[in-house]
Amino acid sequence: MSSKNRKTTRNFVKQRNQFFEQCKAENAVCWLCGMPIDYSMQPNTGDDSFNLDHLYPISKRPDLQEDPANFRPSHASCNNLRGDREPNLPIGTLSRQWIPSEYGEPKPAPAPKPKRLGVII
């Protein structure tokens, strides 16, 4: 990523801190791997710590750096591995969390509504 596109403004720092607190309160999982984030660690201090990722990389869309709709919660390691490439998103939604989390359970996805089938006699 080119550092010439990234600008750290007071507004961005404020938004980043607010986004961290919101994700921590919701116990949001990493949007890249779907695993829990360790919110007890300071952001960007370890592989499992919180890192603010941008859906559209700043190197490609510097105009979206301060747009909260472009923010995504991620592990520092997942964001570093992704770099400024397009994310490899999983297909569909996990039916459950397969690895238990010592930091609390994320909110489960709502169950799909059953379809009514008509019976022809």
PDB file of N, CA and C in Angstrom:
ATOM      1  N   MET A   1       0.821  -1.161   0.000  1.00  0.00           N
ATOM      2  CA  MET A   1       0.000   0.000   0.000  1.00  0.00           C
ATOM      3  C   MET A   1       0.875   1.239   0.000  1.00  0.00           C
ATOM      4  N   SER A   2       0.473   2.215  -0.719  1.00  0.00           N
ATOM      5  CA  SER A   2       1.219   3.457  -0.793  1.00  0.00           C
ATOM      6  C   SER A   2       0.824   4.355   0.370  1.00  0.00           C
ATOM      7  N   SER A   3       1.812   4.809   1.130  1.00  0.00           N
ATOM      8  CA  SER A   3       1.522   5.652   2.288  1.00  0.00           C
ATOM      9  C   SER A   3       1.118   7.058   1.865  1.00  0.00           C
ATOM     10  N   LYS A   4       1.348   7.425   0.603  1.00  0.00           N
ATOM     11  CA  LYS A   4       0.985   8.775   0.170  1.00  0.00           C
ATOM     12  C   LYS A   4      -0.532   8.963   0.121  1.00  0.00           C
ATOM     13  N   ASN A   5      -1.307   7.860   0.015  1.00  0.00           N
ATOM     14  CA  ASN A   5      -2.763   7.958  -0.020  1.00  0.00           C
ATOM     15  C   ASN A   5      -3.363   8.061   1.375  1.00  0.00           C
ATOM     16  N   ARG A   6      -2.687   7.555   2.374  1.00  0.00           N
ATOM     17  CA  ARG A   6      -3.225   7.497   3.736  1.00  0.00           C
ATOM     18  C   ARG A   6      -2.933   8.801   4.462  1.00  0.00           C
ATOM     19  N   LYS A   7      -3.994   9.359   5.043  1.00  0.00           N
ATOM     20  CA  LYS A   7      -3.850  10.574   5.836  1.00  0.00           C
ATOM     21  C   LYS A   7      -4.521  10.323   7.175  1.00  0.00           C
ATOM     22  N   THR A   8      -3.787  10.513   8.253  1.00  0.00           N
ATOM     23  CA  THR A   8      -4.352  10.328   9.579  1.00  0.00           C
ATOM     24  C   THR A   8      -4.806  11.683  10.090  1.00  0.00           C
ATOM     25  N   THR A   9      -6.115  11.878  10.091  1.00  0.00           N
ATOM     26  CA  THR A   9      -6.692  13.129  10.566  1.00  0.00           C
ATOM     27  C   THR A   9      -7.315  12.907  11.945  1.00  0.00           C
ATOM     28  N   ARG A  10      -7.608  13.979  12.632  1.00  0.00           N
ATOM     29  CA  ARG A  10      -8.279  13.860  13.935  1.00  0.00           C
ATOM     30  C   ARG A  10      -9.631  13.169  13.783  1.00  0.00           C
ATOM     31  N   ASN A  11     -10.326  13.516  12.704  1.00  0.00           N
ATOM     32  CA  ASN A  11     -11.637  12.914  12.468  1.00  0.00           C
ATOM     33  C   ASN A  11     -11.508  11.401  12.267  1.00  0.00           C
ATOM     34  N   PHE A  12     -10.506  10.966  11.506  1.00  0.00           N
ATOM     35  CA  PHE A  12     -10.325   9.535  11.286  1.00  0.00           C
ATOM     36  C   PHE A  12      -9.976   8.817  12.587  1.00  0.00           C
ATOM     37  N   VAL A  13      -9.112   9.394  13.393  1.00  0.00           N
ATOM     38  CA  VAL A  13      -8.741   8.780  14.674  1.00  0.00           C
ATOM     39  C   VAL A  13      -9.976   8.648  15.557  1.00  0.00           C
ATOM     40  N   LYS A  14     -10.811   9.673  15.581  1.00  0.00           N
ATOM     41  CA  LYS A  14     -12.042   9.636  16.363  1.00  0.00           C
ATOM     42  C   LYS A  14     -12.972   8.529  15.846  1.00  0.00           C
ATOM     43  N   GLN A  15     -13.154   8.451  14.525  1.00  0.00           N
ATOM     44  CA  GLN A  15     -14.008   7.418  13.938  1.00  0.00           C
ATOM     45  C   GLN A  15     -13.447   6.019  14.187  1.00  0.00           C
ATOM     46  N   ARG A  16     -12.138   5.872  14.079  1.00  0.00           N
ATOM     47  CA  ARG A  16     -11.505   4.573  14.312  1.00  0.00           C
ATOM     48  C   ARG A  16     -11.743   4.119  15.756  1.00  0.00           C
ATOM     49  N   ASN A  17     -11.589   5.022  16.712  1.00  0.00           N
ATOM     50  CA  ASN A  17     -11.814   4.689  18.122  1.00  0.00           C
ATOM     51  C   ASN A  17     -13.278   4.339  18.389  1.00  0.00           C
ATOM     52  N   GLN A  18     -14.200   5.093  17.782  1.00  0.00           N
ATOM     53  CA  GLN A  18     -15.622   4.798  17.929  1.00  0.00           C
ATOM     54  C   GLN A  18     -15.966   3.437  17.322  1.00  0.00           C
ATOM     55  N   PHE A  19     -15.376   3.128  16.173  1.00  0.00           N
ATOM     56  CA  PHE A  19     -15.637   1.847  15.521  1.00  0.00           C
ATOM     57  C   PHE A  19     -15.099   0.700  16.377  1.00  0.00           C
ATOM     58  N   PHE A  20     -13.927   0.875  16.978  1.00  0.00           N
ATOM     59  CA  PHE A  20     -13.375  -0.141  17.871  1.00  0.00           C
ATOM     60  C   PHE A  20     -14.324  -0.404  19.035  1.00  0.00           C
ATOM     61  N   GLU A  21     -14.812   0.654  19.683  1.00  0.00           N
ATOM     62  CA  GLU A  21     -15.716   0.503  20.830  1.00  0.00           C
ATOM     63  C   GLU A  21     -17.019  -0.175  20.414  1.00  0.00           C
ATOM     64  N   GLN A  22     -17.534   0.172  19.244  1.00  0.00           N
ATOM     65  CA  GLN A  22     -18.761  -0.449  18.744  1.00  0.00           C
ATOM     66  C   GLN A  22     -18.541  -1.948  18.495  1.00  0.00           C
ATOM     67  N   CYS A  23     -17.443  -2.293  17.843  1.00  0.00           N
ATOM     68  CA  CYS A  23     -17.131  -3.705  17.555  1.00  0.00           C
ATOM     69  C   CYS A  23     -16.907  -4.482  18.851  1.00  0.00           C
ATOM     70  N   LYS A  24     -16.235  -3.868  19.804  1.00  0.00           N
ATOM     71  CA  LYS A  24     -15.981  -4.514  21.093  1.00  0.00           C
ATOM     72  C   LYS A  24     -17.294  -4.794  21.813  1.00  0.00           C
ATOM     73  N   ALA A  25     -18.218  -3.825  21.812  1.00  0.00           N
ATOM     74  CA  ALA A  25     -19.510  -3.992  22.474  1.00  0.00           C
ATOM     75  C   ALA A  25     -20.336  -5.097  21.818  1.00  0.00           C
ATOM     76  N   GLU A  26     -20.217  -5.235  20.494  1.00  0.00           N
ATOM     77  CA  GLU A  26     -20.976  -6.245  19.753  1.00  0.00           C
ATOM     78  C   GLU A  26     -20.233  -7.572  19.669  1.00  0.00           C
ATOM     79  N   ASN A  27     -18.988  -7.593  20.149  1.00  0.00           N
ATOM     80  CA  ASN A  27     -18.127  -8.768  20.032  1.00  0.00           C
ATOM     81  C   ASN A  27     -18.042  -9.229  18.573  1.00  0.00           C
ATOM     82  N   ALA A  28     -17.835  -8.252  17.691  1.00  0.00           N
ATOM     83  CA  ALA A  28     -17.789  -8.527  16.254  1.00  0.00           C
ATOM     84  C   ALA A  28     -16.612  -9.431  15.914  1.00  0.00           C
ATOM     85  N   VAL A  29     -16.831 -10.332  14.970  1.00  0.00           N
ATOM     86  CA  VAL A  29     -15.786 -11.248  14.522  1.00  0.00           C
ATOM     87  C   VAL A  29     -15.053 -10.644  13.325  1.00  0.00           C
ATOM     88  N   CYS A  30     -13.914 -11.217  13.001  1.00  0.00           N
ATOM     89  CA  CYS A  30     -13.123 -10.771  11.852  1.00  0.00           C
ATOM     90  C   CYS A  30     -13.921 -11.008  10.575  1.00  0.00           C
ATOM     91  N   TRP A  31     -14.070  -9.997   9.770  1.00  0.00           N
ATOM     92  CA  TRP A  31     -14.869 -10.128   8.557  1.00  0.00           C
ATOM     93  C   TRP A  31     -14.142 -10.936   7.483  1.00  0.00           C
ATOM     94  N   LEU A  32     -12.842 -11.138   7.648  1.00  0.00           N
ATOM     95  CA  LEU A  32     -12.083 -11.894   6.654  1.00  0.00           C
ATOM     96  C   LEU A  32     -12.048 -13.396   6.934  1.00  0.00           C
ATOM     97  N   CYS A  33     -11.937 -13.773   8.207  1.00  0.00           N
ATOM     98  CA  CYS A  33     -11.838 -15.203   8.531  1.00  0.00           C
ATOM     99  C   CYS A  33     -13.019 -15.719   9.351  1.00  0.00           C
ATOM    100  N   GLY A  34     -13.828 -14.816   9.912  1.00  0.00           N
ATOM    101  CA  GLY A  34     -14.987 -15.220  10.687  1.00  0.00           C
ATOM    102  C   GLY A  34     -14.695 -15.667  12.106  1.00  0.00           C
ATOM    103  N   MET A  35     -13.460 -15.543  12.561  1.00  0.00           N
ATOM    104  CA  MET A  35     -13.075 -15.971  13.902  1.00  0.00           C
ATOM    105  C   MET A  35     -13.135 -14.795  14.880  1.00  0.00           C
ATOM    106  N   PRO A  36     -13.254 -15.097  16.196  1.00  0.00           N
ATOM    107  CA  PRO A  36     -13.332 -14.027  17.203  1.00  0.00           C
ATOM    108  C   PRO A  36     -12.061 -13.178  17.249  1.00  0.00           C
ATOM    109  N   ILE A  37     -12.248 -11.921  17.583  1.00  0.00           N
ATOM    110  CA  ILE A  37     -11.151 -10.971  17.758  1.00  0.00           C
ATOM    111  C   ILE A  37     -10.919 -10.810  19.256  1.00  0.00           C
ATOM    112  N   ASP A  38      -9.654 -10.722  19.668  1.00  0.00           N
ATOM    113  CA  ASP A  38      -9.311 -10.538  21.076  1.00  0.00           C
ATOM    114  C   ASP A  38      -9.371  -9.045  21.407  1.00  0.00           C
ATOM    115  N   TYR A  39     -10.519  -8.614  21.930  1.00  0.00           N
ATOM    116  CA  TYR A  39     -10.705  -7.204  22.256  1.00  0.00           C
ATOM    117  C   TYR A  39     -10.041  -6.809  23.569  1.00  0.00           C
ATOM    118  N   SER A  40      -9.499  -7.792  24.321  1.00  0.00           N
ATOM    119  CA  SER A  40      -8.792  -7.438  25.553  1.00  0.00           C
ATOM    120  C   SER A  40      -7.403  -6.874  25.246  1.00  0.00           C
ATOM    121  N   MET A  41      -6.904  -7.119  24.052  1.00  0.00           N
ATOM    122  CA  MET A  41      -5.606  -6.585  23.623  1.00  0.00           C
ATOM    123  C   MET A  41      -5.793  -5.180  23.053  1.00  0.00           C
ATOM    124  N   GLN A  42      -4.766  -4.365  23.166  1.00  0.00           N
ATOM    125  CA  GLN A  42      -4.792  -3.069  22.509  1.00  0.00           C
ATOM    126  C   GLN A  42      -4.816  -3.295  20.995  1.00  0.00           C
ATOM    127  N   PRO A  43      -5.545  -2.469  20.242  1.00  0.00           N
ATOM    128  CA  PRO A  43      -5.578  -2.639  18.787  1.00  0.00           C
ATOM    129  C   PRO A  43      -4.175  -2.645  18.179  1.00  0.00           C
ATOM    130  N   ASN A  44      -3.990  -3.525  17.206  1.00  0.00           N
ATOM    131  CA  ASN A  44      -2.755  -3.624  16.416  1.00  0.00           C
ATOM    132  C   ASN A  44      -1.524  -4.020  17.231  1.00  0.00           C
ATOM    133  N   THR A  45      -1.727  -4.770  18.318  1.00  0.00           N
ATOM    134  CA  THR A  45      -0.578  -5.169  19.134  1.00  0.00           C
ATOM    135  C   THR A  45      -0.257  -6.654  19.024  1.00  0.00           C
ATOM    136  N   GLY A  46      -1.064  -7.412  18.336  1.00  0.00           N
ATOM    137  CA  GLY A  46      -0.830  -8.844  18.182  1.00  0.00           C
ATOM    138  C   GLY A  46      -1.649  -9.387  17.025  1.00  0.00           C
ATOM    139  N   ASP A  47      -1.359 -10.621  16.633  1.00  0.00           N
ATOM    140  CA  ASP A  47      -2.044 -11.215  15.484  1.00  0.00           C
ATOM    141  C   ASP A  47      -3.552 -11.265  15.646  1.00  0.00           C
ATOM    142  N   ASP A  48      -4.042 -11.555  16.863  1.00  0.00           N
ATOM    143  CA  ASP A  48      -5.482 -11.692  17.095  1.00  0.00           C
ATOM    144  C   ASP A  48      -6.141 -10.400  17.562  1.00  0.00           C
ATOM    145  N   SER A  49      -5.375  -9.319  17.654  1.00  0.00           N
ATOM    146  CA  SER A  49      -5.932  -8.048  18.119  1.00  0.00           C
ATOM    147  C   SER A  49      -6.763  -7.387  17.013  1.00  0.00           C
ATOM    148  N   PHE A  50      -7.570  -6.422  17.413  1.00  0.00           N
ATOM    149  CA  PHE A  50      -8.429  -5.677  16.492  1.00  0.00           C
ATOM    150  C   PHE A  50      -7.604  -4.811  15.547  1.00  0.00           C
ATOM    151  N   ASN A  51      -8.055  -4.752  14.310  1.00  0.00           N
ATOM    152  CA  ASN A  51      -7.471  -3.857  13.323  1.00  0.00           C
ATOM    153  C   ASN A  51      -8.602  -3.355  12.445  1.00  0.00           C
ATOM    154  N   LEU A  52      -8.687  -2.066  12.242  1.00  0.00           N
ATOM    155  CA  LEU A  52      -9.701  -1.514  11.353  1.00  0.00           C
ATOM    156  C   LEU A  52      -9.268  -1.767   9.917  1.00  0.00           C
ATOM    157  N   ASP A  53     -10.082  -2.512   9.195  1.00  0.00           N
ATOM    158  CA  ASP A  53      -9.806  -2.783   7.786  1.00  0.00           C
ATOM    159  C   ASP A  53     -10.778  -1.957   6.959  1.00  0.00           C
ATOM    160  N   HIS A  54     -10.408  -1.690   5.731  1.00  0.00           N
ATOM    161  CA  HIS A  54     -11.275  -0.979   4.796  1.00  0.00           C
ATOM    162  C   HIS A  54     -11.717  -1.953   3.701  1.00  0.00           C
ATOM    163  N   LEU A  55     -13.021  -2.012   3.461  1.00  0.00           N
ATOM    164  CA  LEU A  55     -13.549  -2.866   2.405  1.00  0.00           C
ATOM    165  C   LEU A  55     -12.871  -2.530   1.079  1.00  0.00           C
ATOM    166  N   TYR A  56     -12.862  -1.260   0.746  1.00  0.00           N
ATOM    167  CA  TYR A  56     -12.138  -0.789  -0.442  1.00  0.00           C
ATOM    168  C   TYR A  56     -10.820  -0.211   0.045  1.00  0.00           C
ATOM    169  N   PRO A  57      -9.702  -0.820  -0.332  1.00  0.00           N
ATOM    170  CA  PRO A  57      -8.392  -0.356   0.160  1.00  0.00           C
ATOM    171  C   PRO A  57      -8.158   1.127  -0.122  1.00  0.00           C
ATOM    172  N   ILE A  58      -7.507   1.775   0.826  1.00  0.00           N
ATOM    173  CA  ILE A  58      -7.217   3.203   0.693  1.00  0.00           C
ATOM    174  C   ILE A  58      -6.323   3.476  -0.512  1.00  0.00           C
ATOM    175  N   SER A  59      -5.468   2.521  -0.853  1.00  0.00           N
ATOM    176  CA  SER A  59      -4.589   2.720  -2.008  1.00  0.00           C
ATOM    177  C   SER A  59      -5.378   2.825  -3.307  1.00  0.00           C
ATOM    178  N   LYS A  60      -6.578   2.219  -3.319  1.00  0.00           N
ATOM    179  CA  LYS A  60      -7.412   2.252  -4.529  1.00  0.00           C
ATOM    180  C   LYS A  60      -8.534   3.275  -4.415  1.00  0.00           C
ATOM    181  N   ARG A  61      -8.985   3.554  -3.180  1.00  0.00           N
ATOM    182  CA  ARG A  61     -10.079   4.500  -2.964  1.00  0.00           C
ATOM    183  C   ARG A  61      -9.767   5.399  -1.771  1.00  0.00           C
ATOM    184  N   PRO A  62      -8.809   6.327  -1.909  1.00  0.00           N
ATOM    185  CA  PRO A  62      -8.453   7.193  -0.786  1.00  0.00           C
ATOM    186  C   PRO A  62      -9.616   8.069  -0.315  1.00  0.00           C
ATOM    187  N   ASP A  63     -10.583   8.296  -1.185  1.00  0.00           N
ATOM    188  CA  ASP A  63     -11.737   9.112  -0.811  1.00  0.00           C
ATOM    189  C   ASP A  63     -12.636   8.425   0.220  1.00  0.00           C
ATOM    190  N   LEU A  64     -12.481   7.107   0.415  1.00  0.00           N
ATOM    191  CA  LEU A  64     -13.315   6.363   1.358  1.00  0.00           C
ATOM    192  C   LEU A  64     -12.617   6.068   2.685  1.00  0.00           C
ATOM    193  N   GLN A  65     -11.454   6.658   2.916  1.00  0.00           N
ATOM    194  CA  GLN A  65     -10.709   6.382   4.148  1.00  0.00           C
ATOM    195  C   GLN A  65     -11.527   6.714   5.388  1.00  0.00           C
ATOM    196  N   GLU A  66     -12.254   7.816   5.380  1.00  0.00           N
ATOM    197  CA  GLU A  66     -13.001   8.238   6.561  1.00  0.00           C
ATOM    198  C   GLU A  66     -14.481   7.903   6.472  1.00  0.00           C
ATOM    199  N   ASP A  67     -14.877   7.049   5.553  1.00  0.00           N
ATOM    200  CA  ASP A  67     -16.283   6.656   5.406  1.00  0.00           C
ATOM    201  C   ASP A  67     -16.563   5.440   6.282  1.00  0.00           C
ATOM    202  N   PRO A  68     -17.367   5.573   7.354  1.00  0.00           N
ATOM    203  CA  PRO A  68     -17.638   4.430   8.241  1.00  0.00           C
ATOM    204  C   PRO A  68     -18.259   3.231   7.522  1.00  0.00           C
ATOM    205  N   ALA A  69     -18.932   3.445   6.414  1.00  0.00           N
ATOM    206  CA  ALA A  69     -19.499   2.331   5.648  1.00  0.00           C
ATOM    207  C   ALA A  69     -18.402   1.474   5.018  1.00  0.00           C
ATOM    208  N   ASN A  70     -17.196   1.988   4.969  1.00  0.00           N
ATOM    209  CA  ASN A  70     -16.059   1.262   4.398  1.00  0.00           C
ATOM    210  C   ASN A  70     -15.257   0.525   5.478  1.00  0.00           C
ATOM    211  N   PHE A  71     -15.606   0.707   6.757  1.00  0.00           N
ATOM    212  CA  PHE A  71     -14.878   0.094   7.869  1.00  0.00           C
ATOM    213  C   PHE A  71     -15.320  -1.352   8.068  1.00  0.00           C
ATOM    214  N   ARG A  72     -14.360  -2.227   8.390  1.00  0.00           N
ATOM    215  CA  ARG A  72     -14.641  -3.625   8.702  1.00  0.00           C
ATOM    216  C   ARG A  72     -13.723  -4.061   9.848  1.00  0.00           C
ATOM    217  N   PRO A  73     -14.265  -4.846  10.817  1.00  0.00           N
ATOM    218  CA  PRO A  73     -13.406  -5.355  11.892  1.00  0.00           C
ATOM    219  C   PRO A  73     -12.575  -6.526  11.391  1.00  0.00           C
ATOM    220  N   SER A  74     -11.315  -6.546  11.735  1.00  0.00           N
ATOM    221  CA  SER A  74     -10.458  -7.658  11.305  1.00  0.00           C
ATOM    222  C   SER A  74      -9.370  -7.901  12.339  1.00  0.00           C
ATOM    223  N   HIS A  75      -8.738  -9.069  12.232  1.00  0.00           N
ATOM    224  CA  HIS A  75      -7.521  -9.336  12.991  1.00  0.00           C
ATOM    225  C   HIS A  75      -6.402  -8.546  12.324  1.00  0.00           C
ATOM    226  N   ALA A  76      -5.429  -8.139  13.099  1.00  0.00           N
ATOM    227  CA  ALA A  76      -4.275  -7.453  12.517  1.00  0.00           C
ATOM    228  C   ALA A  76      -3.586  -8.358  11.498  1.00  0.00           C
ATOM    229  N   SER A  77      -3.477  -9.660  11.816  1.00  0.00           N
ATOM    230  CA  SER A  77      -2.799 -10.585  10.908  1.00  0.00           C
ATOM    231  C   SER A  77      -3.590 -10.784   9.614  1.00  0.00           C
ATOM    232  N   CYS A  78      -4.913 -10.879   9.696  1.00  0.00           N
ATOM    233  CA  CYS A  78      -5.735 -11.064   8.490  1.00  0.00           C
ATOM    234  C   CYS A  78      -5.640  -9.849   7.574  1.00  0.00           C
ATOM    235  N   ASN A  79      -5.663  -8.652   8.174  1.00  0.00           N
ATOM    236  CA  ASN A  79      -5.564  -7.438   7.379  1.00  0.00           C
ATOM    237  C   ASN A  79      -4.187  -7.336   6.726  1.00  0.00           C
ATOM    238  N   ASN A  80      -3.135  -7.705   7.454  1.00  0.00           N
ATOM    239  CA  ASN A  80      -1.791  -7.666   6.879  1.00  0.00           C
ATOM    240  C   ASN A  80      -1.648  -8.654   5.738  1.00  0.00           C
ATOM    241  N   LEU A  81      -2.242  -9.851   5.896  1.00  0.00           N
ATOM    242  CA  LEU A  81      -2.183 -10.838   4.818  1.00  0.00           C
ATOM    243  C   LEU A  81      -2.944 -10.381   3.581  1.00  0.00           C
ATOM    244  N   ARG A  82      -4.046  -9.720   3.798  1.00  0.00           N
ATOM    245  CA  ARG A  82      -4.858  -9.244   2.679  1.00  0.00           C
ATOM    246  C   ARG A  82      -4.154  -8.141   1.911  1.00  0.00           C
ATOM    247  N   GLY A  83      -3.486  -7.244   2.620  1.00  0.00           N
ATOM    248  CA  GLY A  83      -2.834  -6.115   1.953  1.00  0.00           C
ATOM    249  C   GLY A  83      -3.865  -5.231   1.284  1.00  0.00           C
ATOM    250  N   ASP A  84      -3.615  -4.838   0.037  1.00  0.00           N
ATOM    251  CA  ASP A  84      -4.591  -4.007  -0.678  1.00  0.00           C
ATOM    252  C   ASP A  84      -5.297  -4.802  -1.778  1.00  0.00           C
ATOM    253  N   ARG A  85      -5.322  -6.135  -1.611  1.00  0.00           N
ATOM    254  CA  ARG A  85      -6.028  -6.992  -2.574  1.00  0.00           C
ATOM    255  C   ARG A  85      -7.497  -7.112  -2.201  1.00  0.00           C
ATOM    256  N   GLU A  86      -8.268  -7.610  -3.140  1.00  0.00           N
ATOM    257  CA  GLU A  86      -9.673  -7.890  -2.867  1.00  0.00           C
ATOM    258  C   GLU A  86      -9.739  -9.023  -1.854  1.00  0.00           C
ATOM    259  N   PRO A  87     -10.714  -9.000  -0.930  1.00  0.00           N
ATOM    260  CA  PRO A  87     -10.797 -10.063   0.080  1.00  0.00           C
ATOM    261  C   PRO A  87     -11.303 -11.375  -0.505  1.00  0.00           C
ATOM    262  N   ASN A  88     -10.852 -12.497   0.068  1.00  0.00           N
ATOM    263  CA  ASN A  88     -11.373 -13.812  -0.270  1.00  0.00           C
ATOM    264  C   ASN A  88     -12.494 -14.100   0.709  1.00  0.00           C
ATOM    265  N   LEU A  89     -13.720 -13.831   0.316  1.00  0.00           N
ATOM    266  CA  LEU A  89     -14.843 -14.006   1.209  1.00  0.00           C
ATOM    267  C   LEU A  89     -15.365 -15.431   1.142  1.00  0.00           C
ATOM    268  N   PRO A  90     -15.779 -15.981   2.291  1.00  0.00           N
ATOM    269  CA  PRO A  90     -16.340 -17.328   2.282  1.00  0.00           C
ATOM    270  C   PRO A  90     -17.695 -17.347   1.590  1.00  0.00           C
ATOM    271  N   ILE A  91     -18.077 -18.519   1.131  1.00  0.00           N
ATOM    272  CA  ILE A  91     -19.378 -18.674   0.487  1.00  0.00           C
ATOM    273  C   ILE A  91     -20.415 -18.913   1.572  1.00  0.00           C
ATOM    274  N   GLY A  92     -21.439 -18.092   1.622  1.00  0.00           N
ATOM    275  CA  GLY A  92     -22.525 -18.292   2.575  1.00  0.00           C
ATOM    276  C   GLY A  92     -22.175 -17.867   3.981  1.00  0.00           C
ATOM    277  N   THR A  93     -23.029 -18.296   4.916  1.00  0.00           N
ATOM    278  CA  THR A  93     -22.880 -17.969   6.323  1.00  0.00           C
ATOM    279  C   THR A  93     -22.670 -19.260   7.102  1.00  0.00           C
ATOM    280  N   LEU A  94     -21.751 -19.227   8.072  1.00  0.00           N
ATOM    281  CA  LEU A  94     -21.533 -20.404   8.898  1.00  0.00           C
ATOM    282  C   LEU A  94     -22.793 -20.735   9.678  1.00  0.00           C
ATOM    283  N   SER A  95     -23.114 -22.018   9.790  1.00  0.00           N
ATOM    284  CA  SER A  95     -24.308 -22.428  10.522  1.00  0.00           C
ATOM    285  C   SER A  95     -24.117 -22.286  12.027  1.00  0.00           C
ATOM    286  N   ARG A  96     -22.881 -22.331  12.487  1.00  0.00           N
ATOM    287  CA  ARG A  96     -22.551 -22.146  13.899  1.00  0.00           C
ATOM    288  C   ARG A  96     -21.070 -21.841  14.030  1.00  0.00           C
ATOM    289  N   GLN A  97     -20.694 -21.425  15.218  1.00  0.00           N
ATOM    290  CA  GLN A  97     -19.281 -21.170  15.471  1.00  0.00           C
ATOM    291  C   GLN A  97     -18.630 -22.503  15.820  1.00  0.00           C
ATOM    292  N   TRP A  98     -17.673 -22.925  15.039  1.00  0.00           N
ATOM    293  CA  TRP A  98     -17.080 -24.242  15.196  1.00  0.00           C
ATOM    294  C   TRP A  98     -15.966 -24.276  16.223  1.00  0.00           C
ATOM    295  N   ILE A  99     -15.363 -23.167  16.518  1.00  0.00           N
ATOM    296  CA  ILE A  99     -14.300 -23.124  17.516  1.00  0.00           C
ATOM    297  C   ILE A  99     -14.788 -22.257  18.668  1.00  0.00           C
ATOM    298  N   PRO A 100     -14.839 -22.802  19.905  1.00  0.00           N
ATOM    299  CA  PRO A 100     -15.346 -22.008  21.028  1.00  0.00           C
ATOM    300  C   PRO A 100     -14.456 -20.799  21.287  1.00  0.00           C
ATOM    301  N   SER A 101     -15.091 -19.747  21.756  1.00  0.00           N
ATOM    302  CA  SER A 101     -14.374 -18.512  22.034  1.00  0.00           C
ATOM    303  C   SER A 101     -14.347 -18.264  23.527  1.00  0.00           C
ATOM    304  N   GLU A 102     -13.177 -17.956  24.063  1.00  0.00           N
ATOM    305  CA  GLU A 102     -13.086 -17.630  25.479  1.00  0.00           C
ATOM    306  C   GLU A 102     -13.453 -16.177  25.729  1.00  0.00           C
ATOM    307  N   TYR A 103     -13.716 -15.424  24.656  1.00  0.00           N
ATOM    308  CA  TYR A 103     -14.036 -14.013  24.785  1.00  0.00           C
ATOM    309  C   TYR A 103     -15.526 -13.753  24.635  1.00  0.00           C
ATOM    310  N   GLY A 104     -16.326 -14.787  24.657  1.00  0.00           N
ATOM    311  CA  GLY A 104     -17.768 -14.622  24.492  1.00  0.00           C
ATOM    312  C   GLY A 104     -18.201 -15.123  23.137  1.00  0.00           C
ATOM    313  N   GLU A 105     -19.418 -15.481  23.049  1.00  0.00           N
ATOM    314  CA  GLU A 105     -19.946 -16.019  21.808  1.00  0.00           C
ATOM    315  C   GLU A 105     -20.468 -14.893  20.927  1.00  0.00           C
ATOM    316  N   PRO A 106     -20.172 -14.931  19.632  1.00  0.00           N
ATOM    317  CA  PRO A 106     -20.757 -13.944  18.734  1.00  0.00           C
ATOM    318  C   PRO A 106     -22.245 -14.225  18.564  1.00  0.00           C
ATOM    319  N   LYS A 107     -22.969 -13.221  18.127  1.00  0.00           N
ATOM    320  CA  LYS A 107     -24.397 -13.395  17.925  1.00  0.00           C
ATOM    321  C   LYS A 107     -24.635 -14.386  16.783  1.00  0.00           C
ATOM    322  N   PRO A 108     -25.503 -15.402  17.016  1.00  0.00           N
ATOM    323  CA  PRO A 108     -25.753 -16.371  15.954  1.00  0.00           C
ATOM    324  C   PRO A 108     -26.571 -15.757  14.829  1.00  0.00           C
ATOM    325  N   ALA A 109     -26.400 -16.300  13.652  1.00  0.00           N
ATOM    326  CA  ALA A 109     -27.189 -15.861  12.501  1.00  0.00           C
ATOM    327  C   ALA A 109     -28.621 -16.345  12.687  1.00  0.00           C
ATOM    328  N   PRO A 110     -29.601 -15.557  12.255  1.00  0.00           N
ATOM    329  CA  PRO A 110     -30.982 -16.000  12.413  1.00  0.00           C
ATOM    330  C   PRO A 110     -31.254 -17.236  11.553  1.00  0.00           C
ATOM    331  N   ALA A 111     -32.081 -18.117  12.079  1.00  0.00           N
ATOM    332  CA  ALA A 111     -32.426 -19.343  11.347  1.00  0.00           C
ATOM    333  C   ALA A 111     -33.352 -18.989  10.190  1.00  0.00           C
ATOM    334  N   PRO A 112     -33.195 -19.659   9.053  1.00  0.00           N
ATOM    335  CA  PRO A 112     -34.081 -19.373   7.931  1.00  0.00           C
ATOM    336  C   PRO A 112     -35.506 -19.828   8.256  1.00  0.00           C
ATOM    337  N   LYS A 113     -36.486 -19.102   7.720  1.00  0.00           N
ATOM    338  CA  LYS A 113     -37.892 -19.450   7.950  1.00  0.00           C
ATOM    339  C   LYS A 113     -38.252 -20.658   7.094  1.00  0.00           C
ATOM    340  N   PRO A 114     -38.999 -21.611   7.686  1.00  0.00           N
ATOM    341  CA  PRO A 114     -39.388 -22.778   6.890  1.00  0.00           C
ATOM    342  C   PRO A 114     -40.390 -22.381   5.804  1.00  0.00           C
ATOM    343  N   LYS A 115     -40.300 -23.059   4.672  1.00  0.00           N
ATOM    344  CA  LYS A 115     -41.208 -22.790   3.571  1.00  0.00           C
ATOM    345  C   LYS A 115     -42.425 -23.672   3.720  1.00  0.00           C
ATOM    346  N   ARG A 116     -43.574 -23.132   3.388  1.00  0.00           N
ATOM    347  CA  ARG A 116     -44.789 -23.915   3.424  1.00  0.00           C
ATOM    348  C   ARG A 116     -44.969 -24.593   2.073  1.00  0.00           C
ATOM    349  N   LEU A 117     -45.201 -25.855   2.136  1.00  0.00           N
ATOM    350  CA  LEU A 117     -45.421 -26.612   0.924  1.00  0.00           C
ATOM    351  C   LEU A 117     -46.902 -26.960   0.808  1.00  0.00           C
ATOM    352  N   GLY A 118     -47.457 -26.732  -0.349  1.00  0.00           N
ATOM    353  CA  GLY A 118     -48.866 -27.083  -0.565  1.00  0.00           C
ATOM    354  C   GLY A 118     -48.997 -28.561  -0.843  1.00  0.00           C
ATOM    355  N   VAL A 119     -50.048 -29.159  -0.350  1.00  0.00           N
ATOM    356  CA  VAL A 119     -50.291 -30.574  -0.558  1.00  0.00           C
ATOM    357  C   VAL A 119     -51.430 -30.727  -1.563  1.00  0.00           C
ATOM    358  N   ILE A 120     -51.168 -31.479  -2.604  1.00  0.00           N
ATOM    359  CA  ILE A 120     -52.187 -31.740  -3.613  1.00  0.00           C
ATOM    360  C   ILE A 120     -52.784 -33.112  -3.352  1.00  0.00           C
ATOM    361  N   ILE A 121     -54.103 -33.179  -3.210  1.00  0.00           N
ATOM    362  CA  ILE A 121     -54.765 -34.471  -2.942  1.00  0.00           C
ATOM    363  C   ILE A 121     -55.565 -34.897  -4.133  1.00  0.00           C
TER     364      ILE A 121
END
